[in-house]
Amino acid sequence: DYVAMDIKTSIDKYPQLGVDDTSNIMRSIQILKDSQVQ
């Protein structure tokens, strides 16, 4: 019914948090934008 997705920082700083490939994060953002879920 509701999703809260964390945006940790700008995309170029995600490697500092252990994520080198940010393509999945970009996909998730778009999935939520396109969804009917709050």
PDB file of all heavy atoms in Angstrom:
ATOM      1  N   ASP A   1       0.806  -1.219   0.000  1.00  0.00           N
ATOM      2  CA  ASP A   1       0.000   0.000   0.000  1.00  0.00           C
ATOM      3  C   ASP A   1       0.841   1.273   0.000  1.00  0.00           C
ATOM      4  O   ASP A   1       0.379   2.326  -0.437  1.00  0.00           O
ATOM      5  CB  ASP A   1      -0.921   0.009   1.218  1.00  0.00           C
ATOM      6  CG  ASP A   1      -1.854  -1.181   1.235  1.00  0.00           C
ATOM      7  OD1 ASP A   1      -2.841  -1.175   0.480  1.00  0.00           O
ATOM      8  OD2 ASP A   1      -1.587  -2.143   1.995  1.00  0.00           O
ATOM      9  N   TYR A   2       2.061   1.176   0.508  1.00  0.00           N
ATOM     10  CA  TYR A   2       2.913   2.365   0.639  1.00  0.00           C
ATOM     11  C   TYR A   2       4.365   1.914   0.582  1.00  0.00           C
ATOM     12  O   TYR A   2       4.734   0.913   1.202  1.00  0.00           O
ATOM     13  CB  TYR A   2       2.634   3.072   1.964  1.00  0.00           C
ATOM     14  CG  TYR A   2       3.135   4.493   2.072  1.00  0.00           C
ATOM     15  CD1 TYR A   2       2.258   5.565   1.992  1.00  0.00           C
ATOM     16  CD2 TYR A   2       4.486   4.774   2.274  1.00  0.00           C
ATOM     17  CE1 TYR A   2       2.706   6.874   2.093  1.00  0.00           C
ATOM     18  CE2 TYR A   2       4.948   6.078   2.374  1.00  0.00           C
ATOM     19  CZ  TYR A   2       4.054   7.128   2.288  1.00  0.00           C
ATOM     20  OH  TYR A   2       4.501   8.428   2.382  1.00  0.00           O
ATOM     21  N   VAL A   3       5.181   2.654  -0.155  1.00  0.00           N
ATOM     22  CA  VAL A   3       6.613   2.369  -0.246  1.00  0.00           C
ATOM     23  C   VAL A   3       7.402   3.617   0.123  1.00  0.00           C
ATOM     24  O   VAL A   3       7.085   4.715  -0.340  1.00  0.00           O
ATOM     25  CB  VAL A   3       7.019   1.918  -1.661  1.00  0.00           C
ATOM     26  CG1 VAL A   3       8.533   1.690  -1.739  1.00  0.00           C
ATOM     27  CG2 VAL A   3       6.284   0.637  -2.057  1.00  0.00           C
ATOM     28  N   ALA A   4       8.407   3.436   0.953  1.00  0.00           N
ATOM     29  CA  ALA A   4       9.363   4.511   1.244  1.00  0.00           C
ATOM     30  C   ALA A   4      10.730   4.061   0.738  1.00  0.00           C
ATOM     31  O   ALA A   4      11.274   3.064   1.218  1.00  0.00           O
ATOM     32  CB  ALA A   4       9.427   4.800   2.739  1.00  0.00           C
ATOM     33  N   MET A   5      11.250   4.777  -0.246  1.00  0.00           N
ATOM     34  CA  MET A   5      12.559   4.439  -0.796  1.00  0.00           C
ATOM     35  C   MET A   5      13.577   5.493  -0.398  1.00  0.00           C
ATOM     36  O   MET A   5      13.364   6.690  -0.604  1.00  0.00           O
ATOM     37  CB  MET A   5      12.502   4.322  -2.321  1.00  0.00           C
ATOM     38  CG  MET A   5      13.859   4.027  -2.939  1.00  0.00           C
ATOM     39  SD  MET A   5      13.794   3.801  -4.735  1.00  0.00           S
ATOM     40  CE  MET A   5      15.553   4.035  -5.119  1.00  0.00           C
ATOM     41  N   ASP A   6      14.683   5.035   0.163  1.00  0.00           N
ATOM     42  CA  ASP A   6      15.744   5.939   0.583  1.00  0.00           C
ATOM     43  C   ASP A   6      16.569   6.414  -0.605  1.00  0.00           C
ATOM     44  O   ASP A   6      17.020   5.609  -1.427  1.00  0.00           O
ATOM     45  CB  ASP A   6      16.679   5.246   1.576  1.00  0.00           C
ATOM     46  CG  ASP A   6      15.994   4.947   2.895  1.00  0.00           C
ATOM     47  OD1 ASP A   6      15.396   5.875   3.468  1.00  0.00           O
ATOM     48  OD2 ASP A   6      16.068   3.797   3.359  1.00  0.00           O
ATOM     49  N   ILE A   7      16.757   7.711  -0.678  1.00  0.00           N
ATOM     50  CA  ILE A   7      17.746   8.311  -1.563  1.00  0.00           C
ATOM     51  C   ILE A   7      18.883   8.737  -0.645  1.00  0.00           C
ATOM     52  O   ILE A   7      18.737   9.652   0.160  1.00  0.00           O
ATOM     53  CB  ILE A   7      17.180   9.528  -2.325  1.00  0.00           C
ATOM     54  CG1 ILE A   7      15.909   9.136  -3.104  1.00  0.00           C
ATOM     55  CG2 ILE A   7      18.242  10.123  -3.235  1.00  0.00           C
ATOM     56  CD1 ILE A   7      16.120   8.116  -4.196  1.00  0.00           C
ATOM     57  N   LYS A   8      20.010   8.048  -0.742  1.00  0.00           N
ATOM     58  CA  LYS A   8      21.072   8.258   0.248  1.00  0.00           C
ATOM     59  C   LYS A   8      21.849   9.547   0.023  1.00  0.00           C
ATOM     60  O   LYS A   8      22.216  10.241   0.968  1.00  0.00           O
ATOM     61  CB  LYS A   8      22.032   7.073   0.222  1.00  0.00           C
ATOM     62  CG  LYS A   8      21.387   5.714   0.403  1.00  0.00           C
ATOM     63  CD  LYS A   8      20.844   5.510   1.802  1.00  0.00           C
ATOM     64  CE  LYS A   8      20.334   4.089   1.983  1.00  0.00           C
ATOM     65  NZ  LYS A   8      19.859   3.843   3.372  1.00  0.00           N
ATOM     66  N   THR A   9      22.098   9.854  -1.265  1.00  0.00           N
ATOM     67  CA  THR A   9      22.920  11.004  -1.633  1.00  0.00           C
ATOM     68  C   THR A   9      22.825  11.161  -3.148  1.00  0.00           C
ATOM     69  O   THR A   9      21.960  10.536  -3.774  1.00  0.00           O
ATOM     70  CB  THR A   9      24.384  10.790  -1.185  1.00  0.00           C
ATOM     71  OG1 THR A   9      25.181  11.920  -1.556  1.00  0.00           O
ATOM     72  CG2 THR A   9      24.981   9.521  -1.771  1.00  0.00           C
ATOM     73  N   SER A  10      23.678  11.965  -3.735  1.00  0.00           N
ATOM     74  CA  SER A  10      23.718  12.039  -5.196  1.00  0.00           C
ATOM     75  C   SER A  10      24.256  10.723  -5.737  1.00  0.00           C
ATOM     76  O   SER A  10      24.997   9.996  -5.064  1.00  0.00           O
ATOM     77  CB  SER A  10      24.599  13.204  -5.650  1.00  0.00           C
ATOM     78  OG  SER A  10      25.909  13.070  -5.136  1.00  0.00           O
ATOM     79  N   ILE A  11      23.900  10.408  -6.971  1.00  0.00           N
ATOM     80  CA  ILE A  11      24.184   9.093  -7.516  1.00  0.00           C
ATOM     81  C   ILE A  11      25.684   8.814  -7.591  1.00  0.00           C
ATOM     82  O   ILE A  11      26.127   7.673  -7.424  1.00  0.00           O
ATOM     83  CB  ILE A  11      23.517   8.938  -8.908  1.00  0.00           C
ATOM     84  CG1 ILE A  11      23.190   7.465  -9.175  1.00  0.00           C
ATOM     85  CG2 ILE A  11      24.340   9.574  -9.989  1.00  0.00           C
ATOM     86  CD1 ILE A  11      22.058   6.919  -8.360  1.00  0.00           C
ATOM     87  N   ASP A  12      26.504   9.842  -7.775  1.00  0.00           N
ATOM     88  CA  ASP A  12      27.943   9.625  -7.907  1.00  0.00           C
ATOM     89  C   ASP A  12      28.621   9.320  -6.578  1.00  0.00           C
ATOM     90  O   ASP A  12      29.785   8.882  -6.554  1.00  0.00           O
ATOM     91  CB  ASP A  12      28.612  10.842  -8.567  1.00  0.00           C
ATOM     92  CG  ASP A  12      28.469  12.097  -7.729  1.00  0.00           C
ATOM     93  OD1 ASP A  12      27.338  12.405  -7.304  1.00  0.00           O
ATOM     94  OD2 ASP A  12      29.482  12.781  -7.507  1.00  0.00           O
ATOM     95  N   LYS A  13      27.915   9.510  -5.469  1.00  0.00           N
ATOM     96  CA  LYS A  13      28.491   9.197  -4.153  1.00  0.00           C
ATOM     97  C   LYS A  13      28.079   7.827  -3.619  1.00  0.00           C
ATOM     98  O   LYS A  13      28.559   7.401  -2.572  1.00  0.00           O
ATOM     99  CB  LYS A  13      28.098  10.284  -3.133  1.00  0.00           C
ATOM    100  CG  LYS A  13      28.891  11.571  -3.255  1.00  0.00           C
ATOM    101  CD  LYS A  13      28.598  12.495  -2.081  1.00  0.00           C
ATOM    102  CE  LYS A  13      29.497  13.719  -2.115  1.00  0.00           C
ATOM    103  NZ  LYS A  13      29.236  14.618  -0.952  1.00  0.00           N
ATOM    104  N   TYR A  14      27.218   7.121  -4.341  1.00  0.00           N
ATOM    105  CA  TYR A  14      26.775   5.804  -3.870  1.00  0.00           C
ATOM    106  C   TYR A  14      27.911   4.805  -3.685  1.00  0.00           C
ATOM    107  O   TYR A  14      27.836   3.941  -2.809  1.00  0.00           O
ATOM    108  CB  TYR A  14      25.700   5.244  -4.797  1.00  0.00           C
ATOM    109  CG  TYR A  14      24.290   5.550  -4.341  1.00  0.00           C
ATOM    110  CD1 TYR A  14      23.704   6.785  -4.599  1.00  0.00           C
ATOM    111  CD2 TYR A  14      23.544   4.614  -3.632  1.00  0.00           C
ATOM    112  CE1 TYR A  14      22.429   7.086  -4.178  1.00  0.00           C
ATOM    113  CE2 TYR A  14      22.258   4.897  -3.207  1.00  0.00           C
ATOM    114  CZ  TYR A  14      21.700   6.134  -3.479  1.00  0.00           C
ATOM    115  OH  TYR A  14      20.434   6.422  -3.047  1.00  0.00           O
ATOM    116  N   PRO A  15      29.001   4.863  -4.485  1.00  0.00           N
ATOM    117  CA  PRO A  15      30.108   3.944  -4.221  1.00  0.00           C
ATOM    118  C   PRO A  15      30.671   4.052  -2.802  1.00  0.00           C
ATOM    119  O   PRO A  15      31.212   3.078  -2.272  1.00  0.00           O
ATOM    120  CB  PRO A  15      31.150   4.344  -5.280  1.00  0.00           C
ATOM    121  CG  PRO A  15      30.330   4.840  -6.423  1.00  0.00           C
ATOM    122  CD  PRO A  15      29.188   5.591  -5.763  1.00  0.00           C
ATOM    123  N   GLN A  16      30.553   5.213  -2.178  1.00  0.00           N
ATOM    124  CA  GLN A  16      30.999   5.359  -0.791  1.00  0.00           C
ATOM    125  C   GLN A  16      30.178   4.509   0.165  1.00  0.00           C
ATOM    126  O   GLN A  16      30.612   4.240   1.290  1.00  0.00           O
ATOM    127  CB  GLN A  16      30.910   6.830  -0.365  1.00  0.00           C
ATOM    128  CG  GLN A  16      31.783   7.775  -1.158  1.00  0.00           C
ATOM    129  CD  GLN A  16      31.648   9.206  -0.677  1.00  0.00           C
ATOM    130  OE1 GLN A  16      31.373   9.472   0.501  1.00  0.00           O
ATOM    131  NE2 GLN A  16      31.848  10.161  -1.581  1.00  0.00           N
ATOM    132  N   LEU A  17      29.001   4.085  -0.290  1.00  0.00           N
ATOM    133  CA  LEU A  17      28.088   3.304   0.542  1.00  0.00           C
ATOM    134  C   LEU A  17      28.047   1.834   0.127  1.00  0.00           C
ATOM    135  O   LEU A  17      27.202   1.080   0.604  1.00  0.00           O
ATOM    136  CB  LEU A  17      26.681   3.904   0.475  1.00  0.00           C
ATOM    137  CG  LEU A  17      26.594   5.412   0.744  1.00  0.00           C
ATOM    138  CD1 LEU A  17      25.168   5.905   0.546  1.00  0.00           C
ATOM    139  CD2 LEU A  17      27.084   5.734   2.147  1.00  0.00           C
ATOM    140  N   GLY A  18      28.949   1.459  -0.773  1.00  0.00           N
ATOM    141  CA  GLY A  18      29.033   0.063  -1.169  1.00  0.00           C
ATOM    142  C   GLY A  18      28.284  -0.295  -2.434  1.00  0.00           C
ATOM    143  O   GLY A  18      28.117  -1.479  -2.740  1.00  0.00           O
ATOM    144  N   VAL A  19      27.804   0.702  -3.177  1.00  0.00           N
ATOM    145  CA  VAL A  19      27.057   0.441  -4.412  1.00  0.00           C
ATOM    146  C   VAL A  19      27.798   1.088  -5.581  1.00  0.00           C
ATOM    147  O   VAL A  19      27.804   2.310  -5.728  1.00  0.00           O
ATOM    148  CB  VAL A  19      25.615   0.989  -4.327  1.00  0.00           C
ATOM    149  CG1 VAL A  19      24.879   0.742  -5.637  1.00  0.00           C
ATOM    150  CG2 VAL A  19      24.870   0.352  -3.169  1.00  0.00           C
ATOM    151  N   ASP A  20      28.422   0.251  -6.411  1.00  0.00           N
ATOM    152  CA  ASP A  20      29.149   0.760  -7.573  1.00  0.00           C
ATOM    153  C   ASP A  20      28.251   0.876  -8.805  1.00  0.00           C
ATOM    154  O   ASP A  20      28.395   1.800  -9.600  1.00  0.00           O
ATOM    155  CB  ASP A  20      30.345  -0.139  -7.879  1.00  0.00           C
ATOM    156  CG  ASP A  20      31.401  -0.084  -6.781  1.00  0.00           C
ATOM    157  OD1 ASP A  20      31.659   1.023  -6.264  1.00  0.00           O
ATOM    158  OD2 ASP A  20      31.954  -1.147  -6.429  1.00  0.00           O
ATOM    159  N   ASP A  21      27.342  -0.072  -8.965  1.00  0.00           N
ATOM    160  CA  ASP A  21      26.406  -0.061 -10.095  1.00  0.00           C
ATOM    161  C   ASP A  21      25.071   0.484  -9.609  1.00  0.00           C
ATOM    162  O   ASP A  21      24.356  -0.178  -8.848  1.00  0.00           O
ATOM    163  CB  ASP A  21      26.242  -1.467 -10.663  1.00  0.00           C
ATOM    164  CG  ASP A  21      25.320  -1.511 -11.880  1.00  0.00           C
ATOM    165  OD1 ASP A  21      24.807  -0.442 -12.285  1.00  0.00           O
ATOM    166  OD2 ASP A  21      25.093  -2.613 -12.408  1.00  0.00           O
ATOM    167  N   THR A  22      24.747   1.696 -10.022  1.00  0.00           N
ATOM    168  CA  THR A  22      23.525   2.349  -9.535  1.00  0.00           C
ATOM    169  C   THR A  22      22.349   2.204 -10.493  1.00  0.00           C
ATOM    170  O   THR A  22      21.314   2.824 -10.291  1.00  0.00           O
ATOM    171  CB  THR A  22      23.797   3.843  -9.291  1.00  0.00           C
ATOM    172  OG1 THR A  22      24.289   4.435 -10.505  1.00  0.00           O
ATOM    173  CG2 THR A  22      24.817   4.030  -8.173  1.00  0.00           C
ATOM    174  N   SER A  23      22.491   1.384 -11.516  1.00  0.00           N
ATOM    175  CA  SER A  23      21.410   1.244 -12.501  1.00  0.00           C
ATOM    176  C   SER A  23      20.143   0.683 -11.864  1.00  0.00           C
ATOM    177  O   SER A  23      19.025   1.064 -12.243  1.00  0.00           O
ATOM    178  CB  SER A  23      21.858   0.353 -13.653  1.00  0.00           C
ATOM    179  OG  SER A  23      22.218  -0.948 -13.211  1.00  0.00           O
ATOM    180  N   ASN A  24      20.288  -0.218 -10.894  1.00  0.00           N
ATOM    181  CA  ASN A  24      19.108  -0.780 -10.238  1.00  0.00           C
ATOM    182  C   ASN A  24      18.370   0.269  -9.413  1.00  0.00           C
ATOM    183  O   ASN A  24      17.135   0.248  -9.312  1.00  0.00           O
ATOM    184  CB  ASN A  24      19.497  -1.964  -9.349  1.00  0.00           C
ATOM    185  CG  ASN A  24      19.730  -3.231 -10.147  1.00  0.00           C
ATOM    186  OD1 ASN A  24      19.216  -3.389 -11.248  1.00  0.00           O
ATOM    187  ND2 ASN A  24      20.512  -4.145  -9.603  1.00  0.00           N
ATOM    188  N   ILE A  25      19.115   1.173  -8.810  1.00  0.00           N
ATOM    189  CA  ILE A  25      18.483   2.255  -8.058  1.00  0.00           C
ATOM    190  C   ILE A  25      17.680   3.143  -8.993  1.00  0.00           C
ATOM    191  O   ILE A  25      16.535   3.525  -8.689  1.00  0.00           O
ATOM    192  CB  ILE A  25      19.544   3.069  -7.300  1.00  0.00           C
ATOM    193  CG1 ILE A  25      20.147   2.207  -6.187  1.00  0.00           C
ATOM    194  CG2 ILE A  25      18.956   4.359  -6.729  1.00  0.00           C
ATOM    195  CD1 ILE A  25      21.328   2.821  -5.491  1.00  0.00           C
ATOM    196  N   MET A  26      18.241   3.445 -10.144  1.00  0.00           N
ATOM    197  CA  MET A  26      17.521   4.252 -11.132  1.00  0.00           C
ATOM    198  C   MET A  26      16.253   3.538 -11.598  1.00  0.00           C
ATOM    199  O   MET A  26      15.201   4.170 -11.770  1.00  0.00           O
ATOM    200  CB  MET A  26      18.431   4.533 -12.327  1.00  0.00           C
ATOM    201  CG  MET A  26      19.750   5.210 -11.964  1.00  0.00           C
ATOM    202  SD  MET A  26      19.531   6.878 -11.327  1.00  0.00           S
ATOM    203  CE  MET A  26      19.079   7.736 -12.825  1.00  0.00           C
ATOM    204  N   ARG A  27      16.336   2.230 -11.776  1.00  0.00           N
ATOM    205  CA  ARG A  27      15.158   1.457 -12.174  1.00  0.00           C
ATOM    206  C   ARG A  27      14.071   1.509 -11.113  1.00  0.00           C
ATOM    207  O   ARG A  27      12.882   1.687 -11.427  1.00  0.00           O
ATOM    208  CB  ARG A  27      15.539  -0.004 -12.433  1.00  0.00           C
ATOM    209  CG  ARG A  27      16.173  -0.289 -13.792  1.00  0.00           C
ATOM    210  CD  ARG A  27      16.349  -1.781 -13.975  1.00  0.00           C
ATOM    211  NE  ARG A  27      15.059  -2.480 -13.904  1.00  0.00           N
ATOM    212  CZ  ARG A  27      14.917  -3.757 -13.555  1.00  0.00           C
ATOM    213  NH1 ARG A  27      15.969  -4.484 -13.227  1.00  0.00           N
ATOM    214  NH2 ARG A  27      13.721  -4.305 -13.538  1.00  0.00           N
ATOM    215  N   SER A  28      14.470   1.358  -9.856  1.00  0.00           N
ATOM    216  CA  SER A  28      13.483   1.375  -8.775  1.00  0.00           C
ATOM    217  C   SER A  28      12.784   2.721  -8.681  1.00  0.00           C
ATOM    218  O   SER A  28      11.571   2.798  -8.443  1.00  0.00           O
ATOM    219  CB  SER A  28      14.152   1.032  -7.432  1.00  0.00           C
ATOM    220  OG  SER A  28      14.575  -0.313  -7.400  1.00  0.00           O
ATOM    221  N   ILE A  29      13.538   3.789  -8.849  1.00  0.00           N
ATOM    222  CA  ILE A  29      12.950   5.127  -8.833  1.00  0.00           C
ATOM    223  C   ILE A  29      11.871   5.240  -9.911  1.00  0.00           C
ATOM    224  O   ILE A  29      10.763   5.717  -9.661  1.00  0.00           O
ATOM    225  CB  ILE A  29      14.035   6.199  -9.025  1.00  0.00           C
ATOM    226  CG1 ILE A  29      14.918   6.284  -7.780  1.00  0.00           C
ATOM    227  CG2 ILE A  29      13.407   7.562  -9.333  1.00  0.00           C
ATOM    228  CD1 ILE A  29      16.135   7.173  -7.938  1.00  0.00           C
ATOM    229  N   GLN A  30      12.196   4.780 -11.107  1.00  0.00           N
ATOM    230  CA  GLN A  30      11.244   4.878 -12.209  1.00  0.00           C
ATOM    231  C   GLN A  30      10.044   3.967 -11.990  1.00  0.00           C
ATOM    232  O   GLN A  30       8.903   4.337 -12.319  1.00  0.00           O
ATOM    233  CB  GLN A  30      11.923   4.539 -13.533  1.00  0.00           C
ATOM    234  CG  GLN A  30      11.121   4.980 -14.749  1.00  0.00           C
ATOM    235  CD  GLN A  30      10.884   6.476 -14.780  1.00  0.00           C
ATOM    236  OE1 GLN A  30      11.824   7.264 -14.603  1.00  0.00           O
ATOM    237  NE2 GLN A  30       9.630   6.883 -14.978  1.00  0.00           N
ATOM    238  N   ILE A  31      10.271   2.784 -11.429  1.00  0.00           N
ATOM    239  CA  ILE A  31       9.163   1.858 -11.138  1.00  0.00           C
ATOM    240  C   ILE A  31       8.154   2.521 -10.205  1.00  0.00           C
ATOM    241  O   ILE A  31       6.938   2.452 -10.421  1.00  0.00           O
ATOM    242  CB  ILE A  31       9.696   0.551 -10.517  1.00  0.00           C
ATOM    243  CG1 ILE A  31      10.352  -0.323 -11.598  1.00  0.00           C
ATOM    244  CG2 ILE A  31       8.578  -0.237  -9.830  1.00  0.00           C
ATOM    245  CD1 ILE A  31      11.117  -1.506 -11.044  1.00  0.00           C
ATOM    246  N   LEU A  32       8.640   3.187  -9.177  1.00  0.00           N
ATOM    247  CA  LEU A  32       7.727   3.848  -8.236  1.00  0.00           C
ATOM    248  C   LEU A  32       7.017   5.031  -8.880  1.00  0.00           C
ATOM    249  O   LEU A  32       5.812   5.237  -8.670  1.00  0.00           O
ATOM    250  CB  LEU A  32       8.491   4.287  -6.991  1.00  0.00           C
ATOM    251  CG  LEU A  32       8.954   3.161  -6.069  1.00  0.00           C
ATOM    252  CD1 LEU A  32       9.766   3.700  -4.902  1.00  0.00           C
ATOM    253  CD2 LEU A  32       7.763   2.351  -5.550  1.00  0.00           C
ATOM    254  N   LYS A  33       7.739   5.806  -9.667  1.00  0.00           N
ATOM    255  CA  LYS A  33       7.106   6.940 -10.345  1.00  0.00           C
ATOM    256  C   LYS A  33       5.978   6.476 -11.268  1.00  0.00           C
ATOM    257  O   LYS A  33       4.955   7.156 -11.413  1.00  0.00           O
ATOM    258  CB  LYS A  33       8.150   7.716 -11.149  1.00  0.00           C
ATOM    259  CG  LYS A  33       9.103   8.553 -10.329  1.00  0.00           C
ATOM    260  CD  LYS A  33      10.060   9.301 -11.266  1.00  0.00           C
ATOM    261  CE  LYS A  33      11.054  10.144 -10.524  1.00  0.00           C
ATOM    262  NZ  LYS A  33      11.982  10.844 -11.457  1.00  0.00           N
ATOM    263  N   ASP A  34       6.180   5.333 -11.895  1.00  0.00           N
ATOM    264  CA  ASP A  34       5.202   4.831 -12.861  1.00  0.00           C
ATOM    265  C   ASP A  34       4.080   4.025 -12.215  1.00  0.00           C
ATOM    266  O   ASP A  34       3.101   3.691 -12.885  1.00  0.00           O
ATOM    267  CB  ASP A  34       5.898   3.929 -13.899  1.00  0.00           C
ATOM    268  CG  ASP A  34       6.850   4.700 -14.799  1.00  0.00           C
ATOM    269  OD1 ASP A  34       6.718   5.933 -14.876  1.00  0.00           O
ATOM    270  OD2 ASP A  34       7.730   4.057 -15.400  1.00  0.00           O
ATOM    271  N   SER A  35       4.195   3.718 -10.935  1.00  0.00           N
ATOM    272  CA  SER A  35       3.231   2.845 -10.270  1.00  0.00           C
ATOM    273  C   SER A  35       2.002   3.617  -9.799  1.00  0.00           C
ATOM    274  O   SER A  35       1.986   4.848  -9.783  1.00  0.00           O
ATOM    275  CB  SER A  35       3.881   2.150  -9.069  1.00  0.00           C
ATOM    276  OG  SER A  35       4.002   3.055  -7.973  1.00  0.00           O
ATOM    277  N   GLN A  36       0.995   2.868  -9.387  1.00  0.00           N
ATOM    278  CA  GLN A  36      -0.210   3.442  -8.792  1.00  0.00           C
ATOM    279  C   GLN A  36      -0.173   3.363  -7.266  1.00  0.00           C
ATOM    280  O   GLN A  36      -1.132   3.734  -6.594  1.00  0.00           O
ATOM    281  CB  GLN A  36      -1.443   2.683  -9.314  1.00  0.00           C
ATOM    282  CG  GLN A  36      -1.609   2.744 -10.824  1.00  0.00           C
ATOM    283  CD  GLN A  36      -1.713   4.158 -11.350  1.00  0.00           C
ATOM    284  OE1 GLN A  36      -2.485   4.954 -10.831  1.00  0.00           O
ATOM    285  NE2 GLN A  36      -0.932   4.481 -12.371  1.00  0.00           N
ATOM    286  N   VAL A  37       0.923   2.888  -6.727  1.00  0.00           N
ATOM    287  CA  VAL A  37       1.075   2.728  -5.279  1.00  0.00           C
ATOM    288  C   VAL A  37       1.527   4.043  -4.657  1.00  0.00           C
ATOM    289  O   VAL A  37       2.349   4.771  -5.235  1.00  0.00           O
ATOM    290  CB  VAL A  37       2.099   1.615  -4.968  1.00  0.00           C
ATOM    291  CG1 VAL A  37       2.370   1.520  -3.473  1.00  0.00           C
ATOM    292  CG2 VAL A  37       1.608   0.279  -5.499  1.00  0.00           C
ATOM    293  N   GLN A  38       1.008   4.350  -3.487  1.00  0.00           N
ATOM    294  CA  GLN A  38       1.453   5.541  -2.772  1.00  0.00           C
ATOM    295  C   GLN A  38       2.905   5.342  -2.334  1.00  0.00           C
ATOM    296  O   GLN A  38       3.265   4.281  -1.810  1.00  0.00           O
ATOM    297  CB  GLN A  38       0.566   5.798  -1.545  1.00  0.00           C
ATOM    298  CG  GLN A  38       0.823   7.143  -0.885  1.00  0.00           C
ATOM    299  CD  GLN A  38      -0.153   7.427   0.249  1.00  0.00           C
ATOM    300  OE1 GLN A  38      -0.949   6.571   0.625  1.00  0.00           O
ATOM    301  NE2 GLN A  38      -0.072   8.624   0.794  1.00  0.00           N
TER     302      GLN A  38
END
